[in-house]
Amino acid sequence: MTTLNELGVPYVFVDVREVVRSRRGLYEVLSRALSDFLRRYSPYKALLSSFIGVLSGVRGVRVHGFEVLLNWGRDRPLLTELFREFDRVSGSVGSRFVFVIDEAQRLVGSLGVEVWGAVAHAYDKKNDKPRPSGRGGGQVLTTLKKYSIIDENLEFTDPIVREAAREL
């Protein structure tokens, strides 16, 4: 969290240390993380307005004030769609966003396959085209116990991630 705050970029922090064993549990944790994001960045009206506008247009997402509710049933938003819109709003406001999934190794089984597939898709499809601000789109980062991108000295351990963080 310290590193994220030092980077000075807007971020969504999803902590899956909670018991996330079902899609419902995952979507509840995502809802809380997105709601926390809205509350944390409420003073930034342009950012907030863009983010709420994009989220409101996604199937299975409802925004009420600073609360985001994600449907986890049949009408749920696809994680790939959420990440794509996250990237799109990042470009529309000319700033990078970071979407962090902390303790991602806890996501296993079919739920893990779903999340890891969406993360891989986000990396493959993210918008790296230069924007008027000179910045690319959003970043999806994961922290893993066995392969952490941030070490105990709060330094990025992966050279690719370290370079991406410099660009933020």
C-alpha atoms as a PDB file:
ATOM      1  CA  MET A   1       0.000   0.000   0.000  1.00  0.00           C
ATOM      2  CA  THR A   2       2.867   2.352   0.765  1.00  0.00           C
ATOM      3  CA  THR A   3       4.348   1.828  -2.697  1.00  0.00           C
ATOM      4  CA  LEU A   4       0.990   2.444  -4.341  1.00  0.00           C
ATOM      5  CA  ASN A   5       0.525   5.669  -2.405  1.00  0.00           C
ATOM      6  CA  GLU A   6       4.083   6.775  -3.229  1.00  0.00           C
ATOM      7  CA  LEU A   7       3.455   6.196  -6.939  1.00  0.00           C
ATOM      8  CA  GLY A   8       0.697   8.792  -6.700  1.00  0.00           C
ATOM      9  CA  VAL A   9      -1.610   7.071  -9.190  1.00  0.00           C
ATOM     10  CA  PRO A  10      -5.242   6.101  -8.643  1.00  0.00           C
ATOM     11  CA  TYR A  11      -5.583   2.430  -7.737  1.00  0.00           C
ATOM     12  CA  VAL A  12      -8.137  -0.229  -6.952  1.00  0.00           C
ATOM     13  CA  PHE A  13      -6.838  -2.632  -4.303  1.00  0.00           C
ATOM     14  CA  VAL A  14      -8.488  -6.059  -4.210  1.00  0.00           C
ATOM     15  CA  ASP A  15      -7.428  -8.091  -1.193  1.00  0.00           C
ATOM     16  CA  VAL A  16      -8.195 -11.766  -1.683  1.00  0.00           C
ATOM     17  CA  ARG A  17      -6.775 -12.761   1.708  1.00  0.00           C
ATOM     18  CA  GLU A  18     -10.388 -12.910   2.718  1.00  0.00           C
ATOM     19  CA  VAL A  19     -11.992 -16.253   2.079  1.00  0.00           C
ATOM     20  CA  VAL A  20     -12.738 -16.092  -1.626  1.00  0.00           C
ATOM     21  CA  ARG A  21     -13.857 -19.582  -2.562  1.00  0.00           C
ATOM     22  CA  SER A  22     -16.763 -18.773  -4.822  1.00  0.00           C
ATOM     23  CA  ARG A  23     -17.691 -16.378  -7.578  1.00  0.00           C
ATOM     24  CA  ARG A  24     -20.071 -14.691  -5.161  1.00  0.00           C
ATOM     25  CA  GLY A  25     -17.243 -14.122  -2.672  1.00  0.00           C
ATOM     26  CA  LEU A  26     -14.983 -12.768  -5.406  1.00  0.00           C
ATOM     27  CA  TYR A  27     -17.596 -10.348  -6.694  1.00  0.00           C
ATOM     28  CA  GLU A  28     -18.355  -9.152  -3.158  1.00  0.00           C
ATOM     29  CA  VAL A  29     -14.644  -8.425  -2.600  1.00  0.00           C
ATOM     30  CA  LEU A  30     -14.478  -6.659  -5.998  1.00  0.00           C
ATOM     31  CA  SER A  31     -17.569  -4.596  -5.112  1.00  0.00           C
ATOM     32  CA  ARG A  32     -15.969  -3.459  -1.849  1.00  0.00           C
ATOM     33  CA  ALA A  33     -12.670  -2.626  -3.585  1.00  0.00           C
ATOM     34  CA  LEU A  34     -14.414  -0.549  -6.266  1.00  0.00           C
ATOM     35  CA  SER A  35     -16.546   1.196  -3.624  1.00  0.00           C
ATOM     36  CA  ASP A  36     -13.404   2.004  -1.613  1.00  0.00           C
ATOM     37  CA  PHE A  37     -11.861   3.430  -4.793  1.00  0.00           C
ATOM     38  CA  LEU A  38     -14.853   5.747  -5.306  1.00  0.00           C
ATOM     39  CA  ARG A  39     -14.722   6.966  -1.708  1.00  0.00           C
ATOM     40  CA  ARG A  40     -10.941   7.473  -1.767  1.00  0.00           C
ATOM     41  CA  TYR A  41     -11.022   9.519  -4.981  1.00  0.00           C
ATOM     42  CA  SER A  42     -14.305  11.369  -4.372  1.00  0.00           C
ATOM     43  CA  PRO A  43     -12.566  14.801  -4.358  1.00  0.00           C
ATOM     44  CA  TYR A  44     -11.433  14.233  -7.960  1.00  0.00           C
ATOM     45  CA  LYS A  45     -14.693  14.993  -9.774  1.00  0.00           C
ATOM     46  CA  ALA A  46     -13.522  14.391 -13.392  1.00  0.00           C
ATOM     47  CA  LEU A  47     -11.916  11.076 -12.479  1.00  0.00           C
ATOM     48  CA  LEU A  48     -14.898   9.991 -10.438  1.00  0.00           C
ATOM     49  CA  SER A  49     -17.435  11.041 -13.065  1.00  0.00           C
ATOM     50  CA  SER A  50     -15.587   9.145 -15.818  1.00  0.00           C
ATOM     51  CA  PHE A  51     -15.194   6.059 -13.674  1.00  0.00           C
ATOM     52  CA  ILE A  52     -18.844   6.019 -12.578  1.00  0.00           C
ATOM     53  CA  GLY A  53     -20.002   6.602 -16.153  1.00  0.00           C
ATOM     54  CA  VAL A  54     -18.003   3.672 -17.459  1.00  0.00           C
ATOM     55  CA  LEU A  55     -18.950   1.352 -14.594  1.00  0.00           C
ATOM     56  CA  SER A  56     -22.639   2.212 -14.935  1.00  0.00           C
ATOM     57  CA  GLY A  57     -22.560   1.120 -18.573  1.00  0.00           C
ATOM     58  CA  VAL A  58     -21.304  -2.390 -17.786  1.00  0.00           C
ATOM     59  CA  ARG A  59     -23.868  -5.169 -17.589  1.00  0.00           C
ATOM     60  CA  GLY A  60     -24.316  -6.421 -14.036  1.00  0.00           C
ATOM     61  CA  VAL A  61     -22.875  -3.298 -12.372  1.00  0.00           C
ATOM     62  CA  ARG A  62     -24.900  -0.821 -10.325  1.00  0.00           C
ATOM     63  CA  VAL A  63     -23.461   2.330  -8.811  1.00  0.00           C
ATOM     64  CA  HIS A  64     -25.318   4.095  -5.988  1.00  0.00           C
ATOM     65  CA  GLY A  65     -23.404   7.088  -4.683  1.00  0.00           C
ATOM     66  CA  PHE A  66     -20.041   5.678  -3.639  1.00  0.00           C
ATOM     67  CA  GLU A  67     -21.226   2.077  -3.535  1.00  0.00           C
ATOM     68  CA  VAL A  68     -20.580  -0.330  -6.397  1.00  0.00           C
ATOM     69  CA  LEU A  69     -22.645  -3.503  -6.567  1.00  0.00           C
ATOM     70  CA  LEU A  70     -21.569  -6.290  -8.897  1.00  0.00           C
ATOM     71  CA  ASN A  71     -24.031  -9.008  -9.800  1.00  0.00           C
ATOM     72  CA  TRP A  72     -22.383 -12.405  -9.326  1.00  0.00           C
ATOM     73  CA  GLY A  73     -25.079 -14.518 -10.998  1.00  0.00           C
ATOM     74  CA  ARG A  74     -25.947 -15.005 -14.643  1.00  0.00           C
ATOM     75  CA  ASP A  75     -25.941 -11.274 -15.395  1.00  0.00           C
ATOM     76  CA  ARG A  76     -22.512 -10.766 -13.832  1.00  0.00           C
ATOM     77  CA  PRO A  77     -20.013  -8.523 -15.565  1.00  0.00           C
ATOM     78  CA  LEU A  78     -17.157 -10.428 -17.134  1.00  0.00           C
ATOM     79  CA  LEU A  79     -13.853  -9.698 -15.447  1.00  0.00           C
ATOM     80  CA  THR A  80     -12.331  -9.090 -18.876  1.00  0.00           C
ATOM     81  CA  GLU A  81     -14.996  -6.443 -19.489  1.00  0.00           C
ATOM     82  CA  LEU A  82     -14.308  -4.750 -16.145  1.00  0.00           C
ATOM     83  CA  PHE A  83     -10.570  -4.650 -16.872  1.00  0.00           C
ATOM     84  CA  ARG A  84     -11.174  -3.356 -20.426  1.00  0.00           C
ATOM     85  CA  GLU A  85     -13.414  -0.544 -19.161  1.00  0.00           C
ATOM     86  CA  PHE A  86     -10.924   0.206 -16.405  1.00  0.00           C
ATOM     87  CA  ASP A  87      -8.286   0.649 -19.132  1.00  0.00           C
ATOM     88  CA  ARG A  88     -10.655   2.764 -21.238  1.00  0.00           C
ATOM     89  CA  VAL A  89     -11.508   5.188 -18.427  1.00  0.00           C
ATOM     90  CA  SER A  90      -7.805   5.458 -17.647  1.00  0.00           C
ATOM     91  CA  GLY A  91      -7.255   6.749 -21.160  1.00  0.00           C
ATOM     92  CA  SER A  92     -10.273   9.041 -21.124  1.00  0.00           C
ATOM     93  CA  VAL A  93      -8.962  10.978 -18.134  1.00  0.00           C
ATOM     94  CA  GLY A  94      -5.365  10.840 -19.378  1.00  0.00           C
ATOM     95  CA  SER A  95      -4.006   9.062 -16.333  1.00  0.00           C
ATOM     96  CA  ARG A  96      -2.845   5.586 -15.445  1.00  0.00           C
ATOM     97  CA  PHE A  97      -4.837   3.504 -12.999  1.00  0.00           C
ATOM     98  CA  VAL A  98      -3.482   0.485 -11.198  1.00  0.00           C
ATOM     99  CA  PHE A  99      -5.708  -2.485 -10.379  1.00  0.00           C
ATOM    100  CA  VAL A 100      -3.993  -4.655  -7.751  1.00  0.00           C
ATOM    101  CA  ILE A 101      -5.038  -8.177  -6.794  1.00  0.00           C
ATOM    102  CA  ASP A 102      -3.204  -8.879  -3.537  1.00  0.00           C
ATOM    103  CA  GLU A 103      -2.408 -12.486  -2.516  1.00  0.00           C
ATOM    104  CA  ALA A 104      -3.555 -13.722  -5.908  1.00  0.00           C
ATOM    105  CA  GLN A 105      -2.123 -17.212  -5.303  1.00  0.00           C
ATOM    106  CA  ARG A 106      -5.157 -17.884  -3.102  1.00  0.00           C
ATOM    107  CA  LEU A 107      -7.379 -17.917  -6.183  1.00  0.00           C
ATOM    108  CA  VAL A 108      -7.394 -21.570  -7.235  1.00  0.00           C
ATOM    109  CA  GLY A 109      -9.636 -24.025  -9.068  1.00  0.00           C
ATOM    110  CA  SER A 110     -12.183 -22.785 -11.581  1.00  0.00           C
ATOM    111  CA  LEU A 111     -12.295 -19.386  -9.861  1.00  0.00           C
ATOM    112  CA  GLY A 112      -8.526 -19.049 -10.225  1.00  0.00           C
ATOM    113  CA  VAL A 113      -8.732 -20.025 -13.892  1.00  0.00           C
ATOM    114  CA  GLU A 114     -11.375 -17.341 -14.452  1.00  0.00           C
ATOM    115  CA  VAL A 115      -9.400 -14.601 -12.694  1.00  0.00           C
ATOM    116  CA  TRP A 116      -6.006 -15.538 -14.142  1.00  0.00           C
ATOM    117  CA  GLY A 117      -7.541 -15.747 -17.624  1.00  0.00           C
ATOM    118  CA  ALA A 118      -8.957 -12.233 -17.198  1.00  0.00           C
ATOM    119  CA  VAL A 119      -5.608 -10.918 -15.918  1.00  0.00           C
ATOM    120  CA  ALA A 120      -3.799 -12.473 -18.909  1.00  0.00           C
ATOM    121  CA  HIS A 121      -6.397 -10.960 -21.237  1.00  0.00           C
ATOM    122  CA  ALA A 122      -5.915  -7.544 -19.603  1.00  0.00           C
ATOM    123  CA  TYR A 123      -2.162  -7.725 -20.196  1.00  0.00           C
ATOM    124  CA  ASP A 124      -2.659  -8.806 -23.813  1.00  0.00           C
ATOM    125  CA  LYS A 125      -5.322  -6.239 -24.664  1.00  0.00           C
ATOM    126  CA  LYS A 126      -4.395  -3.215 -22.593  1.00  0.00           C
ATOM    127  CA  ASN A 127      -4.228   0.031 -24.459  1.00  0.00           C
ATOM    128  CA  ASP A 128      -0.563   1.022 -24.736  1.00  0.00           C
ATOM    129  CA  LYS A 129      -1.178   3.639 -27.386  1.00  0.00           C
ATOM    130  CA  PRO A 130       0.135   7.025 -26.307  1.00  0.00           C
ATOM    131  CA  ARG A 131      -2.548   9.332 -25.011  1.00  0.00           C
ATOM    132  CA  PRO A 132      -2.576  13.117 -25.123  1.00  0.00           C
ATOM    133  CA  SER A 133      -0.973  12.992 -21.681  1.00  0.00           C
ATOM    134  CA  GLY A 134       1.733  10.679 -23.023  1.00  0.00           C
ATOM    135  CA  ARG A 135       0.520   7.865 -20.788  1.00  0.00           C
ATOM    136  CA  GLY A 136      -0.860   4.448 -21.684  1.00  0.00           C
ATOM    137  CA  GLY A 137      -3.825   2.645 -20.182  1.00  0.00           C
ATOM    138  CA  GLY A 138      -4.457   0.903 -16.896  1.00  0.00           C
ATOM    139  CA  GLN A 139      -2.235  -1.673 -15.258  1.00  0.00           C
ATOM    140  CA  VAL A 140      -3.326  -4.894 -13.581  1.00  0.00           C
ATOM    141  CA  LEU A 141      -0.775  -6.036 -11.008  1.00  0.00           C
ATOM    142  CA  THR A 142      -0.833  -9.108  -8.822  1.00  0.00           C
ATOM    143  CA  THR A 143       1.063  -9.836  -5.650  1.00  0.00           C
ATOM    144  CA  LEU A 144       1.884 -13.431  -4.951  1.00  0.00           C
ATOM    145  CA  LYS A 145       3.456 -15.003  -1.911  1.00  0.00           C
ATOM    146  CA  LYS A 146       5.863 -17.149  -3.962  1.00  0.00           C
ATOM    147  CA  TYR A 147       6.458 -14.616  -6.717  1.00  0.00           C
ATOM    148  CA  SER A 148       5.861 -11.179  -5.385  1.00  0.00           C
ATOM    149  CA  ILE A 149       6.277  -8.170  -7.606  1.00  0.00           C
ATOM    150  CA  ILE A 150       7.043  -6.099  -4.508  1.00  0.00           C
ATOM    151  CA  ASP A 151       9.744  -7.228  -2.069  1.00  0.00           C
ATOM    152  CA  GLU A 152      10.052  -6.475   1.629  1.00  0.00           C
ATOM    153  CA  ASN A 153      11.891  -3.224   0.837  1.00  0.00           C
ATOM    154  CA  LEU A 154       8.894  -2.097  -1.228  1.00  0.00           C
ATOM    155  CA  GLU A 155      10.870  -2.423  -4.457  1.00  0.00           C
ATOM    156  CA  PHE A 156       9.475  -4.035  -7.586  1.00  0.00           C
ATOM    157  CA  THR A 157      11.273  -7.360  -8.068  1.00  0.00           C
ATOM    158  CA  ASP A 158      10.342  -8.068 -11.666  1.00  0.00           C
ATOM    159  CA  PRO A 159      12.338  -5.958 -14.164  1.00  0.00           C
ATOM    160  CA  ILE A 160       9.346  -5.637 -16.510  1.00  0.00           C
ATOM    161  CA  VAL A 161       7.065  -4.506 -13.692  1.00  0.00           C
ATOM    162  CA  ARG A 162       9.771  -2.169 -12.382  1.00  0.00           C
ATOM    163  CA  GLU A 163       9.982  -0.527 -15.818  1.00  0.00           C
ATOM    164  CA  ALA A 164       6.178  -0.292 -16.044  1.00  0.00           C
ATOM    165  CA  ALA A 165       6.078   1.350 -12.609  1.00  0.00           C
ATOM    166  CA  ARG A 166       8.639   3.943 -13.734  1.00  0.00           C
ATOM    167  CA  GLU A 167       6.322   4.819 -16.613  1.00  0.00           C
ATOM    168  CA  LEU A 168       3.464   5.436 -14.178  1.00  0.00           C
END
